Amino acid sequence: MPITVLVHLSGEDAVVGEIEDMPAPTDVAITLNNPRKRDGKDLAYLQGNVVTVLWPMHRINFIEIMPTAEEESLIGPVRE
């Protein structure tokens, strides 16, 4: 099951995409499927037909793991 992530690249805007597995501490690159901007638009520096990109880990500041629909439904409304 693909995991949706938000990848923060050094000196660039964050990129949204899907990964198959969480990166291990020994990985030197991350494979990101369906890369796009946060608003869903294509990335200007990639060709229009690109569906998979490999980024070296030294270019990545950090990775945010987005919740799935199932996880979001587990958390109900919070009363203050």
PDB file of N, CA and C in Angstrom:
ATOM      1  N   MET A   1       0.839  -1.173   0.000  1.00  0.00           N
ATOM      2  CA  MET A   1       0.000   0.000   0.000  1.00  0.00           C
ATOM      3  C   MET A   1       0.885   1.238   0.000  1.00  0.00           C
ATOM      4  N   PRO A   2       0.689   2.141  -0.961  1.00  0.00           N
ATOM      5  CA  PRO A   2       1.530   3.339  -1.027  1.00  0.00           C
ATOM      6  C   PRO A   2       1.315   4.255   0.179  1.00  0.00           C
ATOM      7  N   ILE A   3       2.385   4.916   0.567  1.00  0.00           N
ATOM      8  CA  ILE A   3       2.359   5.855   1.683  1.00  0.00           C
ATOM      9  C   ILE A   3       2.562   7.254   1.106  1.00  0.00           C
ATOM     10  N   THR A   4       1.628   8.163   1.369  1.00  0.00           N
ATOM     11  CA  THR A   4       1.747   9.530   0.878  1.00  0.00           C
ATOM     12  C   THR A   4       2.655  10.309   1.815  1.00  0.00           C
ATOM     13  N   VAL A   5       3.650  10.982   1.217  1.00  0.00           N
ATOM     14  CA  VAL A   5       4.623  11.736   1.997  1.00  0.00           C
ATOM     15  C   VAL A   5       4.802  13.135   1.422  1.00  0.00           C
ATOM     16  N   LEU A   6       5.292  14.025   2.259  1.00  0.00           N
ATOM     17  CA  LEU A   6       5.654  15.375   1.872  1.00  0.00           C
ATOM     18  C   LEU A   6       7.157  15.479   2.083  1.00  0.00           C
ATOM     19  N   VAL A   7       7.908  15.579   1.000  1.00  0.00           N
ATOM     20  CA  VAL A   7       9.370  15.587   1.051  1.00  0.00           C
ATOM     21  C   VAL A   7       9.861  17.032   0.961  1.00  0.00           C
ATOM     22  N   HIS A   8      10.609  17.458   1.958  1.00  0.00           N
ATOM     23  CA  HIS A   8      11.161  18.813   1.998  1.00  0.00           C
ATOM     24  C   HIS A   8      12.590  18.760   1.469  1.00  0.00           C
ATOM     25  N   LEU A   9      12.775  19.316   0.276  1.00  0.00           N
ATOM     26  CA  LEU A   9      14.077  19.327  -0.391  1.00  0.00           C
ATOM     27  C   LEU A   9      14.855  20.585  -0.018  1.00  0.00           C
ATOM     28  N   SER A  10      16.164  20.473   0.041  1.00  0.00           N
ATOM     29  CA  SER A  10      17.027  21.615   0.366  1.00  0.00           C
ATOM     30  C   SER A  10      16.897  22.693  -0.705  1.00  0.00           C
ATOM     31  N   GLY A  11      16.521  23.890  -0.299  1.00  0.00           N
ATOM     32  CA  GLY A  11      16.462  25.028  -1.203  1.00  0.00           C
ATOM     33  C   GLY A  11      15.307  25.021  -2.184  1.00  0.00           C
ATOM     34  N   GLU A  12      14.324  24.147  -2.001  1.00  0.00           N
ATOM     35  CA  GLU A  12      13.177  24.072  -2.916  1.00  0.00           C
ATOM     36  C   GLU A  12      11.901  23.906  -2.112  1.00  0.00           C
ATOM     37  N   ASP A  13      10.777  24.070  -2.797  1.00  0.00           N
ATOM     38  CA  ASP A  13       9.486  23.833  -2.157  1.00  0.00           C
ATOM     39  C   ASP A  13       9.306  22.340  -1.914  1.00  0.00           C
ATOM     40  N   ALA A  14       8.447  22.014  -0.974  1.00  0.00           N
ATOM     41  CA  ALA A  14       8.166  20.618  -0.650  1.00  0.00           C
ATOM     42  C   ALA A  14       7.444  19.935  -1.816  1.00  0.00           C
ATOM     43  N   VAL A  15       7.645  18.622  -1.920  1.00  0.00           N
ATOM     44  CA  VAL A  15       7.071  17.816  -2.989  1.00  0.00           C
ATOM     45  C   VAL A  15       6.225  16.711  -2.357  1.00  0.00           C
ATOM     46  N   VAL A  16       5.013  16.525  -2.881  1.00  0.00           N
ATOM     47  CA  VAL A  16       4.134  15.456  -2.421  1.00  0.00           C
ATOM     48  C   VAL A  16       4.281  14.276  -3.360  1.00  0.00           C
ATOM     49  N   GLY A  17       4.207  13.071  -2.815  1.00  0.00           N
ATOM     50  CA  GLY A  17       4.273  11.867  -3.635  1.00  0.00           C
ATOM     51  C   GLY A  17       4.009  10.637  -2.795  1.00  0.00           C
ATOM     52  N   GLU A  18       4.101   9.489  -3.422  1.00  0.00           N
ATOM     53  CA  GLU A  18       3.873   8.224  -2.735  1.00  0.00           C
ATOM     54  C   GLU A  18       5.148   7.392  -2.752  1.00  0.00           C
ATOM     55  N   ILE A  19       5.372   6.683  -1.648  1.00  0.00           N
ATOM     56  CA  ILE A  19       6.477   5.738  -1.570  1.00  0.00           C
ATOM     57  C   ILE A  19       5.897   4.371  -1.219  1.00  0.00           C
ATOM     58  N   GLU A  20       6.598   3.316  -1.597  1.00  0.00           N
ATOM     59  CA  GLU A  20       6.129   1.957  -1.307  1.00  0.00           C
ATOM     60  C   GLU A  20       6.500   1.525   0.104  1.00  0.00           C
ATOM     61  N   ASP A  21       7.712   1.861   0.542  1.00  0.00           N
ATOM     62  CA  ASP A  21       8.193   1.491   1.867  1.00  0.00           C
ATOM     63  C   ASP A  21       8.873   2.688   2.503  1.00  0.00           C
ATOM     64  N   MET A  22       8.903   2.690   3.822  1.00  0.00           N
ATOM     65  CA  MET A  22       9.609   3.739   4.535  1.00  0.00           C
ATOM     66  C   MET A  22      11.109   3.591   4.278  1.00  0.00           C
ATOM     67  N   PRO A  23      11.818   4.711   4.093  1.00  0.00           N
ATOM     68  CA  PRO A  23      13.261   4.614   3.869  1.00  0.00           C
ATOM     69  C   PRO A  23      13.990   4.106   5.110  1.00  0.00           C
ATOM     70  N   ALA A  24      14.969   3.267   4.885  1.00  0.00           N
ATOM     71  CA  ALA A  24      15.800   2.743   5.972  1.00  0.00           C
ATOM     72  C   ALA A  24      16.923   3.747   6.265  1.00  0.00           C
ATOM     73  N   PRO A  25      17.501   3.691   7.447  1.00  0.00           N
ATOM     74  CA  PRO A  25      18.610   4.601   7.771  1.00  0.00           C
ATOM     75  C   PRO A  25      19.814   4.441   6.844  1.00  0.00           C
ATOM     76  N   THR A  26      19.941   3.299   6.201  1.00  0.00           N
ATOM     77  CA  THR A  26      21.079   3.051   5.316  1.00  0.00           C
ATOM     78  C   THR A  26      20.811   3.444   3.863  1.00  0.00           C
ATOM     79  N   ASP A  27      19.586   3.858   3.531  1.00  0.00           N
ATOM     80  CA  ASP A  27      19.257   4.238   2.152  1.00  0.00           C
ATOM     81  C   ASP A  27      19.991   5.509   1.759  1.00  0.00           C
ATOM     82  N   VAL A  28      20.426   5.565   0.500  1.00  0.00           N
ATOM     83  CA  VAL A  28      21.106   6.751  -0.008  1.00  0.00           C
ATOM     84  C   VAL A  28      20.220   7.549  -0.949  1.00  0.00           C
ATOM     85  N   ALA A  29      19.043   7.010  -1.292  1.00  0.00           N
ATOM     86  CA  ALA A  29      18.102   7.701  -2.175  1.00  0.00           C
ATOM     87  C   ALA A  29      16.687   7.297  -1.808  1.00  0.00           C
ATOM     88  N   ILE A  30      15.736   8.123  -2.218  1.00  0.00           N
ATOM     89  CA  ILE A  30      14.322   7.817  -1.997  1.00  0.00           C
ATOM     90  C   ILE A  30      13.629   7.812  -3.357  1.00  0.00           C
ATOM     91  N   THR A  31      12.763   6.824  -3.566  1.00  0.00           N
ATOM     92  CA  THR A  31      11.993   6.717  -4.803  1.00  0.00           C
ATOM     93  C   THR A  31      10.610   7.278  -4.539  1.00  0.00           C
ATOM     94  N   LEU A  32      10.243   8.325  -5.262  1.00  0.00           N
ATOM     95  CA  LEU A  32       8.969   8.998  -5.071  1.00  0.00           C
ATOM     96  C   LEU A  32       8.131   8.837  -6.327  1.00  0.00           C
ATOM     97  N   ASN A  33       6.949   8.253  -6.171  1.00  0.00           N
ATOM     98  CA  ASN A  33       6.025   8.067  -7.287  1.00  0.00           C
ATOM     99  C   ASN A  33       5.027   9.217  -7.334  1.00  0.00           C
ATOM    100  N   ASN A  34       4.632   9.601  -8.544  1.00  0.00           N
ATOM    101  CA  ASN A  34       3.647  10.656  -8.774  1.00  0.00           C
ATOM    102  C   ASN A  34       4.037  11.957  -8.067  1.00  0.00           C
ATOM    103  N   PRO A  35       5.253  12.480  -8.317  1.00  0.00           N
ATOM    104  CA  PRO A  35       5.674  13.716  -7.645  1.00  0.00           C
ATOM    105  C   PRO A  35       4.870  14.910  -8.143  1.00  0.00           C
ATOM    106  N   ARG A  36       4.498  15.793  -7.204  1.00  0.00           N
ATOM    107  CA  ARG A  36       3.709  16.970  -7.541  1.00  0.00           C
ATOM    108  C   ARG A  36       3.876  18.012  -6.438  1.00  0.00           C
ATOM    109  N   LYS A  37       3.427  19.237  -6.726  1.00  0.00           N
ATOM    110  CA  LYS A  37       3.431  20.285  -5.708  1.00  0.00           C
ATOM    111  C   LYS A  37       2.319  20.007  -4.704  1.00  0.00           C
ATOM    112  N   ARG A  38       2.318  20.740  -3.629  1.00  0.00           N
ATOM    113  CA  ARG A  38       1.281  20.572  -2.600  1.00  0.00           C
ATOM    114  C   ARG A  38      -0.120  20.780  -3.150  1.00  0.00           C
ATOM    115  N   ASP A  39      -0.256  21.687  -4.116  1.00  0.00           N
ATOM    116  CA  ASP A  39      -1.573  21.973  -4.682  1.00  0.00           C
ATOM    117  C   ASP A  39      -1.952  21.014  -5.814  1.00  0.00           C
ATOM    118  N   GLY A  40      -1.117  20.012  -6.072  1.00  0.00           N
ATOM    119  CA  GLY A  40      -1.415  19.002  -7.088  1.00  0.00           C
ATOM    120  C   GLY A  40      -0.892  19.312  -8.475  1.00  0.00           C
ATOM    121  N   LYS A  41      -0.299  20.482  -8.671  1.00  0.00           N
ATOM    122  CA  LYS A  41       0.224  20.859  -9.984  1.00  0.00           C
ATOM    123  C   LYS A  41       1.542  20.142 -10.265  1.00  0.00           C
ATOM    124  N   ASP A  42       1.892  20.067 -11.554  1.00  0.00           N
ATOM    125  CA  ASP A  42       3.149  19.437 -11.965  1.00  0.00           C
ATOM    126  C   ASP A  42       4.343  20.272 -11.509  1.00  0.00           C
ATOM    127  N   LEU A  43       5.474  19.607 -11.304  1.00  0.00           N
ATOM    128  CA  LEU A  43       6.715  20.292 -10.970  1.00  0.00           C
ATOM    129  C   LEU A  43       7.332  20.841 -12.251  1.00  0.00           C
ATOM    130  N   ALA A  44       7.709  22.103 -12.240  1.00  0.00           N
ATOM    131  CA  ALA A  44       8.202  22.776 -13.446  1.00  0.00           C
ATOM    132  C   ALA A  44       9.495  22.159 -13.965  1.00  0.00           C
ATOM    133  N   TYR A  45      10.323  21.600 -13.093  1.00  0.00           N
ATOM    134  CA  TYR A  45      11.614  21.080 -13.505  1.00  0.00           C
ATOM    135  C   TYR A  45      11.575  19.617 -13.935  1.00  0.00           C
ATOM    136  N   LEU A  46      10.393  19.003 -13.980  1.00  0.00           N
ATOM    137  CA  LEU A  46      10.250  17.621 -14.462  1.00  0.00           C
ATOM    138  C   LEU A  46       9.441  17.606 -15.755  1.00  0.00           C
ATOM    139  N   GLN A  47       9.734  16.648 -16.596  1.00  0.00           N
ATOM    140  CA  GLN A  47       8.951  16.457 -17.801  1.00  0.00           C
ATOM    141  C   GLN A  47       7.522  16.069 -17.422  1.00  0.00           C
ATOM    142  N   GLY A  48       6.558  16.356 -18.271  1.00  0.00           N
ATOM    143  CA  GLY A  48       5.159  16.106 -17.974  1.00  0.00           C
ATOM    144  C   GLY A  48       4.791  14.645 -17.811  1.00  0.00           C
ATOM    145  N   ASN A  49       5.553  13.740 -18.434  1.00  0.00           N
ATOM    146  CA  ASN A  49       5.209  12.316 -18.386  1.00  0.00           C
ATOM    147  C   ASN A  49       5.989  11.538 -17.326  1.00  0.00           C
ATOM    148  N   VAL A  50       6.733  12.214 -16.456  1.00  0.00           N
ATOM    149  CA  VAL A  50       7.510  11.548 -15.406  1.00  0.00           C
ATOM    150  C   VAL A  50       6.575  11.085 -14.292  1.00  0.00           C
ATOM    151  N   VAL A  51       6.689   9.808 -13.907  1.00  0.00           N
ATOM    152  CA  VAL A  51       5.852   9.269 -12.837  1.00  0.00           C
ATOM    153  C   VAL A  51       6.667   8.817 -11.621  1.00  0.00           C
ATOM    154  N   THR A  52       7.979   8.660 -11.770  1.00  0.00           N
ATOM    155  CA  THR A  52       8.832   8.218 -10.667  1.00  0.00           C
ATOM    156  C   THR A  52      10.136   9.008 -10.683  1.00  0.00           C
ATOM    157  N   VAL A  53      10.547   9.461  -9.492  1.00  0.00           N
ATOM    158  CA  VAL A  53      11.787  10.222  -9.357  1.00  0.00           C
ATOM    159  C   VAL A  53      12.595   9.638  -8.210  1.00  0.00           C
ATOM    160  N   LEU A  54      13.919   9.594  -8.365  1.00  0.00           N
ATOM    161  CA  LEU A  54      14.824   9.202  -7.289  1.00  0.00           C
ATOM    162  C   LEU A  54      15.575  10.443  -6.831  1.00  0.00           C
ATOM    163  N   TRP A  55      15.454  10.775  -5.537  1.00  0.00           N
ATOM    164  CA  TRP A  55      16.188  11.893  -4.984  1.00  0.00           C
ATOM    165  C   TRP A  55      17.223  11.359  -4.002  1.00  0.00           C
ATOM    166  N   PRO A  56      18.460  11.872  -4.065  1.00  0.00           N
ATOM    167  CA  PRO A  56      19.468  11.448  -3.077  1.00  0.00           C
ATOM    168  C   PRO A  56      19.095  11.994  -1.696  1.00  0.00           C
ATOM    169  N   MET A  57      19.342  11.212  -0.684  1.00  0.00           N
ATOM    170  CA  MET A  57      18.971  11.594   0.676  1.00  0.00           C
ATOM    171  C   MET A  57      19.695  12.854   1.154  1.00  0.00           C
ATOM    172  N   HIS A  58      20.864  13.147   0.610  1.00  0.00           N
ATOM    173  CA  HIS A  58      21.574  14.345   1.063  1.00  0.00           C
ATOM    174  C   HIS A  58      20.869  15.628   0.617  1.00  0.00           C
ATOM    175  N   ARG A  59      19.911  15.549  -0.304  1.00  0.00           N
ATOM    176  CA  ARG A  59      19.128  16.710  -0.749  1.00  0.00           C
ATOM    177  C   ARG A  59      17.866  16.900   0.084  1.00  0.00           C
ATOM    178  N   ILE A  60      17.552  15.955   0.963  1.00  0.00           N
ATOM    179  CA  ILE A  60      16.290  15.978   1.704  1.00  0.00           C
ATOM    180  C   ILE A  60      16.541  16.451   3.138  1.00  0.00           C
ATOM    181  N   ASN A  61      15.788  17.478   3.546  1.00  0.00           N
ATOM    182  CA  ASN A  61      15.867  17.961   4.932  1.00  0.00           C
ATOM    183  C   ASN A  61      15.089  17.044   5.864  1.00  0.00           C
ATOM    184  N   PHE A  62      13.836  16.773   5.526  1.00  0.00           N
ATOM    185  CA  PHE A  62      13.019  15.854   6.306  1.00  0.00           C
ATOM    186  C   PHE A  62      11.816  15.419   5.480  1.00  0.00           C
ATOM    187  N   ILE A  63      11.129  14.384   5.966  1.00  0.00           N
ATOM    188  CA  ILE A  63       9.983  13.799   5.276  1.00  0.00           C
ATOM    189  C   ILE A  63       8.803  13.772   6.244  1.00  0.00           C
ATOM    190  N   GLU A  64       7.662  14.303   5.803  1.00  0.00           N
ATOM    191  CA  GLU A  64       6.433  14.229   6.592  1.00  0.00           C
ATOM    192  C   GLU A  64       5.588  13.078   6.044  1.00  0.00           C
ATOM    193  N   ILE A  65       5.040  12.270   6.929  1.00  0.00           N
ATOM    194  CA  ILE A  65       4.190  11.155   6.532  1.00  0.00           C
ATOM    195  C   ILE A  65       2.750  11.596   6.721  1.00  0.00           C
ATOM    196  N   MET A  66       2.006  11.636   5.628  1.00  0.00           N
ATOM    197  CA  MET A  66       0.630  12.107   5.667  1.00  0.00           C
ATOM    198  C   MET A  66      -0.290  10.994   6.161  1.00  0.00           C
ATOM    199  N   PRO A  67      -1.304  11.337   6.955  1.00  0.00           N
ATOM    200  CA  PRO A  67      -2.219  10.308   7.458  1.00  0.00           C
ATOM    201  C   PRO A  67      -3.097   9.756   6.340  1.00  0.00           C
ATOM    202  N   THR A  68      -3.443   8.485   6.456  1.00  0.00           N
ATOM    203  CA  THR A  68      -4.356   7.875   5.500  1.00  0.00           C
ATOM    204  C   THR A  68      -5.789   8.218   5.897  1.00  0.00           C
ATOM    205  N   ALA A  69      -6.740   7.925   5.030  1.00  0.00           N
ATOM    206  CA  ALA A  69      -8.144   8.192   5.329  1.00  0.00           C
ATOM    207  C   ALA A  69      -8.600   7.384   6.536  1.00  0.00           C
ATOM    208  N   GLU A  70      -8.073   6.172   6.671  1.00  0.00           N
ATOM    209  CA  GLU A  70      -8.433   5.336   7.822  1.00  0.00           C
ATOM    210  C   GLU A  70      -7.946   5.953   9.128  1.00  0.00           C
ATOM    211  N   GLU A  71      -6.723   6.479   9.124  1.00  0.00           N
ATOM    212  CA  GLU A  71      -6.176   7.083  10.333  1.00  0.00           C
ATOM    213  C   GLU A  71      -6.921   8.347  10.702  1.00  0.00           C
ATOM    214  N   GLU A  72      -7.333   9.136   9.700  1.00  0.00           N
ATOM    215  CA  GLU A  72      -8.062  10.364   9.987  1.00  0.00           C
ATOM    216  C   GLU A  72      -9.418  10.079  10.603  1.00  0.00           C
ATOM    217  N   SER A  73     -10.048   8.982  10.213  1.00  0.00           N
ATOM    218  CA  SER A  73     -11.366   8.661  10.746  1.00  0.00           C
ATOM    219  C   SER A  73     -11.282   8.153  12.189  1.00  0.00           C
ATOM    220  N   LEU A  74     -10.109   7.704  12.635  1.00  0.00           N
ATOM    221  CA  LEU A  74      -9.951   7.230  13.997  1.00  0.00           C
ATOM    222  C   LEU A  74     -10.014   8.349  15.018  1.00  0.00           C
ATOM    223  N   ILE A  75      -9.582   9.525  14.609  1.00  0.00           N
ATOM    224  CA  ILE A  75      -9.566  10.674  15.524  1.00  0.00           C
ATOM    225  C   ILE A  75     -10.870  11.430  15.355  1.00  0.00           C
ATOM    226  N   GLY A  76     -11.659  11.446  16.407  1.00  0.00           N
ATOM    227  CA  GLY A  76     -12.948  12.135  16.359  1.00  0.00           C
ATOM    228  C   GLY A  76     -12.825  13.587  16.750  1.00  0.00           C
ATOM    229  N   PRO A  77     -13.957  14.247  16.836  1.00  0.00           N
ATOM    230  CA  PRO A  77     -13.925  15.667  17.230  1.00  0.00           C
ATOM    231  C   PRO A  77     -13.442  15.811  18.677  1.00  0.00           C
ATOM    232  N   VAL A  78     -12.736  16.888  18.919  1.00  0.00           N
ATOM    233  CA  VAL A  78     -12.182  17.159  20.230  1.00  0.00           C
ATOM    234  C   VAL A  78     -12.977  18.276  20.875  1.00  0.00           C
ATOM    235  N   ARG A  79     -13.428  18.041  22.089  1.00  0.00           N
ATOM    236  CA  ARG A  79     -14.143  19.088  22.824  1.00  0.00           C
ATOM    237  C   ARG A  79     -13.164  19.850  23.683  1.00  0.00           C
ATOM    238  N   GLU A  80     -13.335  21.142  23.696  1.00  0.00           N
ATOM    239  CA  GLU A  80     -12.445  21.983  24.498  1.00  0.00           C
ATOM    240  C   GLU A  80     -13.066  22.318  25.821  1.00  0.00           C
TER     241      GLU A  80
END
